[in-house]
């Protein structure tokens, strides 16, 4: 299933993305983030992470570096 998700994102990157001006506020881009999420987390969790990322990519978002998995030395948020 995750291959289907990756295939769909690649289709977007090749067919639609060149027609739209770049506007992603994050690094890696939302489509590259989605591919990484599918590879690391599987189809369902990857799709949820990608959808959440796309919802956060808006003019009111600060953006910046946002990997699928935080670096090992990143501080963890406490509950």
PDB file of N, CA and C in Angstrom:
ATOM      1  N   UNK A   1       0.812  -1.202   0.000  1.00  0.00           N
ATOM      2  CA  UNK A   1       0.000   0.000   0.000  1.00  0.00           C
ATOM      3  C   UNK A   1       0.855   1.265   0.000  1.00  0.00           C
ATOM      4  N   UNK A   2       1.976   1.238   0.731  1.00  0.00           N
ATOM      5  CA  UNK A   2       2.771   2.464   0.784  1.00  0.00           C
ATOM      6  C   UNK A   2       3.337   2.811  -0.586  1.00  0.00           C
ATOM      7  N   UNK A   3       3.549   1.808  -1.437  1.00  0.00           N
ATOM      8  CA  UNK A   3       4.022   2.089  -2.800  1.00  0.00           C
ATOM      9  C   UNK A   3       2.985   2.873  -3.591  1.00  0.00           C
ATOM     10  N   UNK A   4       1.718   2.601  -3.335  1.00  0.00           N
ATOM     11  CA  UNK A   4       0.649   3.350  -4.003  1.00  0.00           C
ATOM     12  C   UNK A   4       0.701   4.809  -3.571  1.00  0.00           C
ATOM     13  N   UNK A   5       0.870   5.051  -2.278  1.00  0.00           N
ATOM     14  CA  UNK A   5       0.981   6.423  -1.782  1.00  0.00           C
ATOM     15  C   UNK A   5       2.162   7.149  -2.393  1.00  0.00           C
ATOM     16  N   UNK A   6       3.304   6.488  -2.443  1.00  0.00           N
ATOM     17  CA  UNK A   6       4.500   7.096  -3.031  1.00  0.00           C
ATOM     18  C   UNK A   6       4.271   7.367  -4.512  1.00  0.00           C
ATOM     19  N   UNK A   7       3.644   6.428  -5.223  1.00  0.00           N
ATOM     20  CA  UNK A   7       3.346   6.603  -6.640  1.00  0.00           C
ATOM     21  C   UNK A   7       2.457   7.826  -6.862  1.00  0.00           C
ATOM     22  N   UNK A   8       1.430   7.992  -6.038  1.00  0.00           N
ATOM     23  CA  UNK A   8       0.523   9.134  -6.188  1.00  0.00           C
ATOM     24  C   UNK A   8       1.243  10.461  -5.945  1.00  0.00           C
ATOM     25  N   UNK A   9       2.110  10.491  -4.954  1.00  0.00           N
ATOM     26  CA  UNK A   9       2.870  11.718  -4.689  1.00  0.00           C
ATOM     27  C   UNK A   9       3.820  12.006  -5.846  1.00  0.00           C
ATOM     28  N   UNK A  10       4.470  10.979  -6.367  1.00  0.00           N
ATOM     29  CA  UNK A  10       5.373  11.166  -7.515  1.00  0.00           C
ATOM     30  C   UNK A  10       4.600  11.687  -8.731  1.00  0.00           C
ATOM     31  N   UNK A  11       3.389  11.171  -8.956  1.00  0.00           N
ATOM     32  CA  UNK A  11       2.553  11.679 -10.055  1.00  0.00           C
ATOM     33  C   UNK A  11       2.272  13.164  -9.857  1.00  0.00           C
ATOM     34  N   UNK A  12       1.949  13.553  -8.629  1.00  0.00           N
ATOM     35  CA  UNK A  12       1.740  14.968  -8.326  1.00  0.00           C
ATOM     36  C   UNK A  12       2.998  15.771  -8.636  1.00  0.00           C
ATOM     37  N   UNK A  13       4.160  15.276  -8.203  1.00  0.00           N
ATOM     38  CA  UNK A  13       5.412  16.000  -8.407  1.00  0.00           C
ATOM     39  C   UNK A  13       5.723  16.192  -9.889  1.00  0.00           C
ATOM     40  N   UNK A  14       5.421  15.195 -10.707  1.00  0.00           N
ATOM     41  CA  UNK A  14       5.762  15.251 -12.127  1.00  0.00           C
ATOM     42  C   UNK A  14       4.708  16.014 -12.935  1.00  0.00           C
ATOM     43  N   UNK A  15       3.428  15.798 -12.628  1.00  0.00           N
ATOM     44  CA  UNK A  15       2.356  16.346 -13.464  1.00  0.00           C
ATOM     45  C   UNK A  15       1.798  17.687 -12.987  1.00  0.00           C
ATOM     46  N   UNK A  16       1.561  17.832 -11.707  1.00  0.00           N
ATOM     47  CA  UNK A  16       0.898  19.039 -11.204  1.00  0.00           C
ATOM     48  C   UNK A  16       1.850  20.077 -10.618  1.00  0.00           C
ATOM     49  N   UNK A  17       2.831  19.628  -9.892  1.00  0.00           N
ATOM     50  CA  UNK A  17       3.732  20.551  -9.210  1.00  0.00           C
ATOM     51  C   UNK A  17       4.404  21.561 -10.143  1.00  0.00           C
ATOM     52  N   UNK A  18       4.831  21.167 -11.352  1.00  0.00           N
ATOM     53  CA  UNK A  18       5.451  22.154 -12.241  1.00  0.00           C
ATOM     54  C   UNK A  18       4.496  23.279 -12.666  1.00  0.00           C
ATOM     55  N   UNK A  19       3.193  23.061 -12.561  1.00  0.00           N
ATOM     56  CA  UNK A  19       2.208  24.062 -12.967  1.00  0.00           C
ATOM     57  C   UNK A  19       1.882  25.058 -11.855  1.00  0.00           C
ATOM     58  N   UNK A  20       2.300  24.737 -10.636  1.00  0.00           N
ATOM     59  CA  UNK A  20       1.973  25.558  -9.467  1.00  0.00           C
ATOM     60  C   UNK A  20       3.248  26.243  -8.975  1.00  0.00           C
ATOM     61  N   UNK A  21       3.182  27.560  -8.695  1.00  0.00           N
ATOM     62  CA  UNK A  21       4.390  28.203  -8.164  1.00  0.00           C
ATOM     63  C   UNK A  21       4.763  27.623  -6.798  1.00  0.00           C
ATOM     64  N   UNK A  22       6.068  27.499  -6.511  1.00  0.00           N
ATOM     65  CA  UNK A  22       6.490  26.934  -5.222  1.00  0.00           C
ATOM     66  C   UNK A  22       6.029  27.811  -4.058  1.00  0.00           C
ATOM     67  N   UNK A  23       5.421  27.195  -3.064  1.00  0.00           N
ATOM     68  CA  UNK A  23       4.929  27.975  -1.926  1.00  0.00           C
ATOM     69  C   UNK A  23       5.048  27.228  -0.602  1.00  0.00           C
ATOM     70  N   UNK A  24       5.708  26.076  -0.599  1.00  0.00           N
ATOM     71  CA  UNK A  24       5.827  25.308   0.636  1.00  0.00           C
ATOM     72  C   UNK A  24       6.708  26.060   1.631  1.00  0.00           C
ATOM     73  N   UNK A  25       6.251  26.136   2.868  1.00  0.00           N
ATOM     74  CA  UNK A  25       6.967  26.865   3.911  1.00  0.00           C
ATOM     75  C   UNK A  25       7.899  25.972   4.710  1.00  0.00           C
ATOM     76  N   UNK A  26       7.915  24.701   4.383  1.00  0.00           N
ATOM     77  CA  UNK A  26       8.690  23.740   5.158  1.00  0.00           C
ATOM     78  C   UNK A  26       9.835  23.149   4.354  1.00  0.00           C
ATOM     79  N   UNK A  27      10.776  22.591   5.079  1.00  0.00           N
ATOM     80  CA  UNK A  27      11.873  21.822   4.496  1.00  0.00           C
ATOM     81  C   UNK A  27      11.900  20.489   5.222  1.00  0.00           C
ATOM     82  N   UNK A  28      11.821  19.368   4.601  1.00  0.00           N
ATOM     83  CA  UNK A  28      11.635  19.141   3.173  1.00  0.00           C
ATOM     84  C   UNK A  28      10.240  19.575   2.718  1.00  0.00           C
ATOM     85  N   UNK A  29      10.073  19.719   1.407  1.00  0.00           N
ATOM     86  CA  UNK A  29       8.773  20.137   0.885  1.00  0.00           C
ATOM     87  C   UNK A  29       7.700  19.140   1.310  1.00  0.00           C
ATOM     88  N   UNK A  30       6.460  19.563   1.246  1.00  0.00           N
ATOM     89  CA  UNK A  30       5.361  18.703   1.697  1.00  0.00           C
ATOM     90  C   UNK A  30       5.297  17.394   0.913  1.00  0.00           C
ATOM     91  N   UNK A  31       5.556  17.445  -0.391  1.00  0.00           N
ATOM     92  CA  UNK A  31       5.495  16.200  -1.164  1.00  0.00           C
ATOM     93  C   UNK A  31       6.657  15.271  -0.808  1.00  0.00           C
ATOM     94  N   UNK A  32       7.845  15.818  -0.600  1.00  0.00           N
ATOM     95  CA  UNK A  32       8.970  14.977  -0.174  1.00  0.00           C
ATOM     96  C   UNK A  32       8.750  14.445   1.242  1.00  0.00           C
ATOM     97  N   UNK A  33       8.133  15.246   2.090  1.00  0.00           N
ATOM     98  CA  UNK A  33       7.776  14.804   3.438  1.00  0.00           C
ATOM     99  C   UNK A  33       6.811  13.623   3.360  1.00  0.00           C
ATOM    100  N   UNK A  34       5.816  13.716   2.464  1.00  0.00           N
ATOM    101  CA  UNK A  34       4.837  12.640   2.316  1.00  0.00           C
ATOM    102  C   UNK A  34       5.515  11.342   1.887  1.00  0.00           C
ATOM    103  N   UNK A  35       6.434  11.422   0.934  1.00  0.00           N
ATOM    104  CA  UNK A  35       7.148  10.227   0.484  1.00  0.00           C
ATOM    105  C   UNK A  35       7.940   9.621   1.636  1.00  0.00           C
ATOM    106  N   UNK A  36       8.632  10.466   2.380  1.00  0.00           N
ATOM    107  CA  UNK A  36       9.415   9.976   3.522  1.00  0.00           C
ATOM    108  C   UNK A  36       8.501   9.357   4.585  1.00  0.00           C
ATOM    109  N   UNK A  37       7.347   9.978   4.814  1.00  0.00           N
ATOM    110  CA  UNK A  37       6.399   9.447   5.798  1.00  0.00           C
ATOM    111  C   UNK A  37       5.871   8.083   5.365  1.00  0.00           C
ATOM    112  N   UNK A  38       5.548   7.927   4.085  1.00  0.00           N
ATOM    113  CA  UNK A  38       5.092   6.620   3.594  1.00  0.00           C
ATOM    114  C   UNK A  38       6.178   5.573   3.779  1.00  0.00           C
ATOM    115  N   UNK A  39       7.419   5.927   3.472  1.00  0.00           N
ATOM    116  CA  UNK A  39       8.521   4.962   3.583  1.00  0.00           C
ATOM    117  C   UNK A  39       8.786   4.555   5.030  1.00  0.00           C
ATOM    118  N   UNK A  40       8.757   5.520   5.937  1.00  0.00           N
ATOM    119  CA  UNK A  40       9.127   5.236   7.323  1.00  0.00           C
ATOM    120  C   UNK A  40       7.969   4.745   8.181  1.00  0.00           C
ATOM    121  N   UNK A  41       6.756   5.183   7.878  1.00  0.00           N
ATOM    122  CA  UNK A  41       5.619   4.912   8.763  1.00  0.00           C
ATOM    123  C   UNK A  41       4.543   4.022   8.156  1.00  0.00           C
ATOM    124  N   UNK A  42       4.659   3.675   6.869  1.00  0.00           N
ATOM    125  CA  UNK A  42       3.624   2.867   6.232  1.00  0.00           C
ATOM    126  C   UNK A  42       2.529   3.738   5.645  1.00  0.00           C
ATOM    127  N   UNK A  43       1.549   3.085   5.015  1.00  0.00           N
ATOM    128  CA  UNK A  43       0.543   3.837   4.268  1.00  0.00           C
ATOM    129  C   UNK A  43      -0.368   4.678   5.156  1.00  0.00           C
ATOM    130  N   UNK A  44      -1.027   4.064   6.112  1.00  0.00           N
ATOM    131  CA  UNK A  44      -2.027   4.782   6.904  1.00  0.00           C
ATOM    132  C   UNK A  44      -1.409   5.898   7.739  1.00  0.00           C
ATOM    133  N   UNK A  45      -0.405   5.578   8.515  1.00  0.00           N
ATOM    134  CA  UNK A  45       0.238   6.597   9.357  1.00  0.00           C
ATOM    135  C   UNK A  45       0.915   7.658   8.490  1.00  0.00           C
ATOM    136  N   UNK A  46       1.537   7.232   7.371  1.00  0.00           N
ATOM    137  CA  UNK A  46       2.168   8.178   6.453  1.00  0.00           C
ATOM    138  C   UNK A  46       1.160   9.136   5.847  1.00  0.00           C
ATOM    139  N   UNK A  47      -0.010   8.614   5.465  1.00  0.00           N
ATOM    140  CA  UNK A  47      -1.056   9.467   4.894  1.00  0.00           C
ATOM    141  C   UNK A  47      -1.557  10.479   5.921  1.00  0.00           C
ATOM    142  N   UNK A  48      -1.710  10.036   7.167  1.00  0.00           N
ATOM    143  CA  UNK A  48      -2.158  10.955   8.223  1.00  0.00           C
ATOM    144  C   UNK A  48      -1.116  12.040   8.490  1.00  0.00           C
ATOM    145  N   UNK A  49       0.152  11.646   8.555  1.00  0.00           N
ATOM    146  CA  UNK A  49       1.215  12.631   8.768  1.00  0.00           C
ATOM    147  C   UNK A  49       1.287  13.621   7.608  1.00  0.00           C
ATOM    148  N   UNK A  50       1.165  13.123   6.382  1.00  0.00           N
ATOM    149  CA  UNK A  50       1.218  13.996   5.208  1.00  0.00           C
ATOM    150  C   UNK A  50       0.035  14.964   5.198  1.00  0.00           C
ATOM    151  N   UNK A  51      -1.158  14.469   5.522  1.00  0.00           N
ATOM    152  CA  UNK A  51      -2.339  15.335   5.557  1.00  0.00           C
ATOM    153  C   UNK A  51      -2.184  16.425   6.618  1.00  0.00           C
ATOM    154  N   UNK A  52      -1.681  16.056   7.797  1.00  0.00           N
ATOM    155  CA  UNK A  52      -1.470  17.036   8.867  1.00  0.00           C
ATOM    156  C   UNK A  52      -0.446  18.081   8.440  1.00  0.00           C
ATOM    157  N   UNK A  53       0.596  17.640   7.759  1.00  0.00           N
ATOM    158  CA  UNK A  53       1.627  18.565   7.280  1.00  0.00           C
ATOM    159  C   UNK A  53       1.040  19.543   6.264  1.00  0.00           C
ATOM    160  N   UNK A  54       0.246  19.045   5.330  1.00  0.00           N
ATOM    161  CA  UNK A  54      -0.358  19.908   4.307  1.00  0.00           C
ATOM    162  C   UNK A  54      -1.298  20.920   4.959  1.00  0.00           C
ATOM    163  N   UNK A  55      -2.031  20.505   5.973  1.00  0.00           N
ATOM    164  CA  UNK A  55      -2.911  21.438   6.682  1.00  0.00           C
ATOM    165  C   UNK A  55      -2.119  22.535   7.393  1.00  0.00           C
ATOM    166  N   UNK A  56      -0.922  22.202   7.867  1.00  0.00           N
ATOM    167  CA  UNK A  56      -0.091  23.193   8.558  1.00  0.00           C
ATOM    168  C   UNK A  56       0.652  24.118   7.598  1.00  0.00           C
ATOM    169  N   UNK A  57       0.728  23.775   6.327  1.00  0.00           N
ATOM    170  CA  UNK A  57       1.463  24.576   5.345  1.00  0.00           C
ATOM    171  C   UNK A  57       0.535  25.663   4.816  1.00  0.00           C
ATOM    172  N   UNK A  58       0.519  26.793   5.499  1.00  0.00           N
ATOM    173  CA  UNK A  58      -0.361  27.895   5.128  1.00  0.00           C
ATOM    174  C   UNK A  58       0.340  29.216   5.438  1.00  0.00           C
ATOM    175  N   UNK A  59      -0.219  30.336   4.977  1.00  0.00           N
ATOM    176  CA  UNK A  59       0.445  31.633   5.183  1.00  0.00           C
ATOM    177  C   UNK A  59       0.652  32.020   6.644  1.00  0.00           C
ATOM    178  N   UNK A  60      -0.108  31.442   7.563  1.00  0.00           N
ATOM    179  CA  UNK A  60       0.025  31.798   8.978  1.00  0.00           C
ATOM    180  C   UNK A  60       1.008  30.901   9.714  1.00  0.00           C
ATOM    181  N   UNK A  61       1.559  29.934   9.018  1.00  0.00           N
ATOM    182  CA  UNK A  61       2.509  29.005   9.624  1.00  0.00           C
ATOM    183  C   UNK A  61       3.921  29.569   9.550  1.00  0.00           C
ATOM    184  N   UNK A  62       4.685  29.312  10.586  1.00  0.00           N
ATOM    185  CA  UNK A  62       6.076  29.754  10.619  1.00  0.00           C
ATOM    186  C   UNK A  62       6.927  28.960   9.635  1.00  0.00           C
ATOM    187  N   UNK A  63       6.609  27.693   9.443  1.00  0.00           N
ATOM    188  CA  UNK A  63       7.381  26.852   8.528  1.00  0.00           C
ATOM    189  C   UNK A  63       8.713  26.471   9.128  1.00  0.00           C
ATOM    190  N   UNK A  64       9.693  26.191   8.266  1.00  0.00           N
ATOM    191  CA  UNK A  64      11.021  25.818   8.720  1.00  0.00           C
ATOM    192  C   UNK A  64      11.294  24.341   8.541  1.00  0.00           C
ATOM    193  N   UNK A  65      12.347  23.868   9.203  1.00  0.00           N
ATOM    194  CA  UNK A  65      12.753  22.469   9.091  1.00  0.00           C
ATOM    195  C   UNK A  65      11.810  21.603   9.909  1.00  0.00           C
ATOM    196  N   UNK A  66      11.199  20.618   9.263  1.00  0.00           N
ATOM    197  CA  UNK A  66      10.212  19.763   9.916  1.00  0.00           C
ATOM    198  C   UNK A  66      10.309  18.350   9.351  1.00  0.00           C
ATOM    199  N   UNK A  67      11.237  17.529   9.864  1.00  0.00           N
ATOM    200  CA  UNK A  67      11.388  16.167   9.346  1.00  0.00           C
ATOM    201  C   UNK A  67      10.277  15.244   9.854  1.00  0.00           C
ATOM    202  N   UNK A  68      10.127  14.101   9.205  1.00  0.00           N
ATOM    203  CA  UNK A  68       9.147  13.104   9.650  1.00  0.00           C
ATOM    204  C   UNK A  68       9.486  12.651  11.062  1.00  0.00           C
ATOM    205  N   UNK A  69      10.742  12.356  11.294  1.00  0.00           N
ATOM    206  CA  UNK A  69      11.202  11.976  12.624  1.00  0.00           C
ATOM    207  C   UNK A  69      12.198  13.023  13.096  1.00  0.00           C
ATOM    208  N   UNK A  70      11.996  13.592  14.286  1.00  0.00           N
ATOM    209  CA  UNK A  70      12.935  14.609  14.766  1.00  0.00           C
ATOM    210  C   UNK A  70      14.331  14.025  14.950  1.00  0.00           C
ATOM    211  N   UNK A  71      15.353  14.863  14.833  1.00  0.00           N
ATOM    212  CA  UNK A  71      16.719  14.383  15.055  1.00  0.00           C
ATOM    213  C   UNK A  71      16.866  13.799  16.455  1.00  0.00           C
ATOM    214  N   UNK A  72      17.775  12.839  16.643  1.00  0.00           N
ATOM    215  CA  UNK A  72      17.919  12.189  17.950  1.00  0.00           C
ATOM    216  C   UNK A  72      18.291  13.144  19.078  1.00  0.00           C
ATOM    217  N   UNK A  73      18.955  14.253  18.775  1.00  0.00           N
ATOM    218  CA  UNK A  73      19.372  15.181  19.824  1.00  0.00           C
ATOM    219  C   UNK A  73      18.332  16.269  20.092  1.00  0.00           C
ATOM    220  N   UNK A  74      17.175  16.214  19.427  1.00  0.00           N
ATOM    221  CA  UNK A  74      16.140  17.226  19.628  1.00  0.00           C
ATOM    222  C   UNK A  74      15.471  17.015  20.985  1.00  0.00           C
ATOM    223  N   UNK A  75      15.186  18.112  21.696  1.00  0.00           N
ATOM    224  CA  UNK A  75      14.506  17.968  22.987  1.00  0.00           C
ATOM    225  C   UNK A  75      13.082  17.455  22.784  1.00  0.00           C
ATOM    226  N   UNK A  76      12.634  16.574  23.668  1.00  0.00           N
ATOM    227  CA  UNK A  76      11.283  16.025  23.579  1.00  0.00           C
ATOM    228  C   UNK A  76      10.331  16.889  24.389  1.00  0.00           C
ATOM    229  N   UNK A  77       9.104  17.013  23.883  1.00  0.00           N
ATOM    230  CA  UNK A  77       8.082  17.752  24.611  1.00  0.00           C
ATOM    231  C   UNK A  77       7.540  16.865  25.717  1.00  0.00           C
ATOM    232  N   UNK A  78       7.406  17.421  26.899  1.00  0.00           N
ATOM    233  CA  UNK A  78       6.847  16.641  28.002  1.00  0.00           C
ATOM    234  C   UNK A  78       5.341  16.856  28.067  1.00  0.00           C
ATOM    235  N   UNK A  79       4.634  15.882  28.587  1.00  0.00           N
ATOM    236  CA  UNK A  79       3.169  15.951  28.635  1.00  0.00           C
ATOM    237  C   UNK A  79       2.681  16.775  29.782  1.00  0.00           C
TER     238      UNK A  79
END
